[in-house]
Amino acid sequence: MRPIRVLVAKPGLDGHDRGAKVIARALRDAGMEVIYTGLRQTVNQIVNAAIQEDVDCIAVSILSGAHETLLPKISNLLKEEGVDDILFIAGGVIPEDDIPSLKERGVAEIFTPGTPTTVTIDYIKENIRR
């Protein structure tokens, strides 16, 4: 069986990618194949890359405060493209109060600062559909 493939993305104008690089390294160390798209990706770039790369999971890192706008747009575009087999998770500085609404709008799980990388790795392994 091929390794789990994860697209790690930084949407919007957020210029900080240390967290994304930390999670990308941890996922690689756990045996996953990681495609890191780099900074300042549009919603379309993220979804298109996920489809082209045939990933099992999209992991978005967001610190800019635009999570209420960008994350639902990614979820909606996945639905519009007929993609229902990619696990969509996010991490970063996202207020606890915003998490329930983001989950209702298509984000499977949110990982806030301080979450051990092992928690994210285990979540992905337990929740991807193969």
Protein backbone atom coordinates (compact mmCIF):
# COMPACT_ATOMS: atom_id res chain seq x y z
CA MET A 1 0.00 0.00 0.00
CA ARG A 2 1.31 3.45 -0.87
CA PRO A 3 2.11 5.92 1.89
CA ILE A 4 -0.52 8.39 3.06
CA ARG A 5 -0.21 11.54 0.92
CA VAL A 6 -0.74 14.89 2.64
CA LEU A 7 -0.85 18.34 1.05
CA VAL A 8 0.37 20.97 3.53
CA ALA A 9 -0.77 24.45 2.52
CA LYS A 10 -0.59 28.06 3.70
CA PRO A 11 -3.63 29.94 2.36
CA GLY A 12 -3.99 33.68 1.97
CA LEU A 13 -1.52 36.39 2.85
CA ASP A 14 -0.06 34.72 5.93
CA GLY A 15 3.73 34.90 5.63
CA HIS A 16 4.70 32.64 8.55
CA ASP A 17 5.40 29.02 7.70
CA ARG A 18 7.41 27.64 10.61
CA GLY A 19 4.42 25.65 11.93
CA ALA A 20 3.66 24.28 8.47
CA LYS A 21 7.26 23.17 8.09
CA VAL A 22 7.25 21.54 11.55
CA ILE A 23 4.12 19.54 10.76
CA ALA A 24 5.39 18.66 7.27
CA ARG A 25 8.60 17.25 8.79
CA ALA A 26 6.68 15.33 11.47
CA LEU A 27 4.36 13.80 8.86
CA ARG A 28 7.36 12.79 6.72
CA ASP A 29 9.08 11.29 9.75
CA ALA A 30 5.89 9.27 10.36
CA GLY A 31 6.20 7.75 6.88
CA MET A 32 3.76 9.98 5.03
CA GLU A 33 4.41 11.58 1.67
CA VAL A 34 4.13 15.36 2.02
CA ILE A 35 3.54 17.94 -0.69
CA TYR A 36 4.19 21.43 0.68
CA THR A 37 2.75 24.14 -1.55
CA GLY A 38 4.51 27.08 0.08
CA LEU A 39 3.25 30.46 1.22
CA ARG A 40 0.37 32.59 -0.03
CA GLN A 41 -1.69 29.96 -1.80
CA THR A 42 -5.16 30.70 -3.13
CA VAL A 43 -8.09 28.43 -2.38
CA ASN A 44 -8.07 27.31 -6.03
CA GLN A 45 -4.34 26.53 -5.96
CA ILE A 46 -4.76 24.41 -2.82
CA VAL A 47 -7.73 22.41 -4.11
CA ASN A 48 -6.24 21.97 -7.59
CA ALA A 49 -2.92 20.77 -6.15
CA ALA A 50 -4.75 18.32 -3.85
CA ILE A 51 -6.64 16.84 -6.80
CA GLN A 52 -3.60 16.72 -9.10
CA GLU A 53 -1.40 15.14 -6.43
CA ASP A 54 -4.11 12.60 -5.49
CA VAL A 55 -3.69 13.32 -1.79
CA ASP A 56 -5.49 11.63 1.09
CA CYS A 57 -5.45 14.72 3.30
CA ILE A 58 -5.21 18.51 3.08
CA ALA A 59 -3.58 20.07 6.14
CA VAL A 60 -3.88 23.86 6.14
CA SER A 61 -1.85 26.05 8.47
CA ILE A 62 -3.38 29.45 9.12
CA LEU A 63 -2.28 32.25 11.42
CA SER A 64 -3.64 35.30 9.60
CA GLY A 65 -7.10 35.45 11.19
CA ALA A 66 -8.77 34.72 7.84
CA HIS A 67 -9.77 31.19 8.90
CA GLU A 68 -13.52 31.99 8.92
CA THR A 69 -13.29 33.00 5.25
CA LEU A 70 -10.62 30.76 3.74
CA LEU A 71 -11.28 27.39 5.36
CA PRO A 72 -14.98 27.20 4.36
CA LYS A 73 -14.02 28.29 0.82
CA ILE A 74 -11.62 25.34 0.57
CA SER A 75 -14.30 22.98 1.88
CA ASN A 76 -16.90 24.38 -0.54
CA LEU A 77 -14.56 24.13 -3.54
CA LEU A 78 -13.78 20.51 -2.69
CA LYS A 79 -17.54 19.82 -2.70
CA GLU A 80 -18.01 21.71 -5.99
CA GLU A 81 -15.25 19.61 -7.55
CA GLY A 82 -16.98 16.44 -6.34
CA VAL A 83 -14.15 15.55 -3.98
CA ASP A 84 -15.40 13.71 -0.91
CA ASP A 85 -12.50 11.40 -0.16
CA ILE A 86 -9.89 13.94 1.03
CA LEU A 87 -9.63 14.53 4.78
CA PHE A 88 -9.50 18.31 5.40
CA ILE A 89 -7.82 19.48 8.61
CA ALA A 90 -6.40 22.79 9.80
CA GLY A 91 -4.03 24.09 12.40
CA GLY A 92 -2.79 27.39 13.68
CA VAL A 93 -4.03 30.32 15.67
CA ILE A 94 -7.78 29.70 15.59
CA PRO A 95 -9.89 30.82 18.55
CA GLU A 96 -11.71 28.02 20.40
CA ASP A 97 -15.03 29.84 19.81
CA ASP A 98 -14.59 29.58 16.02
CA ILE A 99 -13.85 25.83 15.93
CA PRO A 100 -17.44 24.46 16.11
CA SER A 101 -18.58 26.61 13.19
CA LEU A 102 -15.56 25.61 11.10
CA LYS A 103 -16.26 21.94 11.76
CA GLU A 104 -19.89 22.47 10.72
CA ARG A 105 -18.61 24.03 7.51
CA GLY A 106 -16.39 21.14 6.45
CA VAL A 107 -13.13 21.15 8.42
CA ALA A 108 -12.77 17.69 9.96
CA GLU A 109 -10.48 18.76 12.81
CA ILE A 110 -8.62 21.82 14.10
CA PHE A 111 -5.24 21.62 15.84
CA THR A 112 -4.32 24.68 17.89
CA PRO A 113 -0.84 25.77 19.01
CA GLY A 114 0.77 23.36 21.44
CA THR A 115 -0.92 20.27 20.02
CA PRO A 116 1.70 17.49 19.90
CA THR A 117 2.48 16.46 16.33
CA THR A 118 1.74 12.86 17.31
CA VAL A 119 -1.91 13.85 17.90
CA THR A 120 -2.17 15.19 14.34
CA ILE A 121 -0.39 12.16 12.89
CA ASP A 122 -2.67 9.74 14.74
CA TYR A 123 -5.76 11.70 13.68
CA ILE A 124 -4.77 11.52 10.02
CA LYS A 125 -3.97 7.80 10.20
CA GLU A 126 -7.29 7.04 11.91
CA ASN A 127 -9.49 9.21 9.67
CA ILE A 128 -8.36 9.00 6.07
CA ARG A 129 -10.51 6.92 3.74
CA ARG A 130 -8.47 4.57 1.56
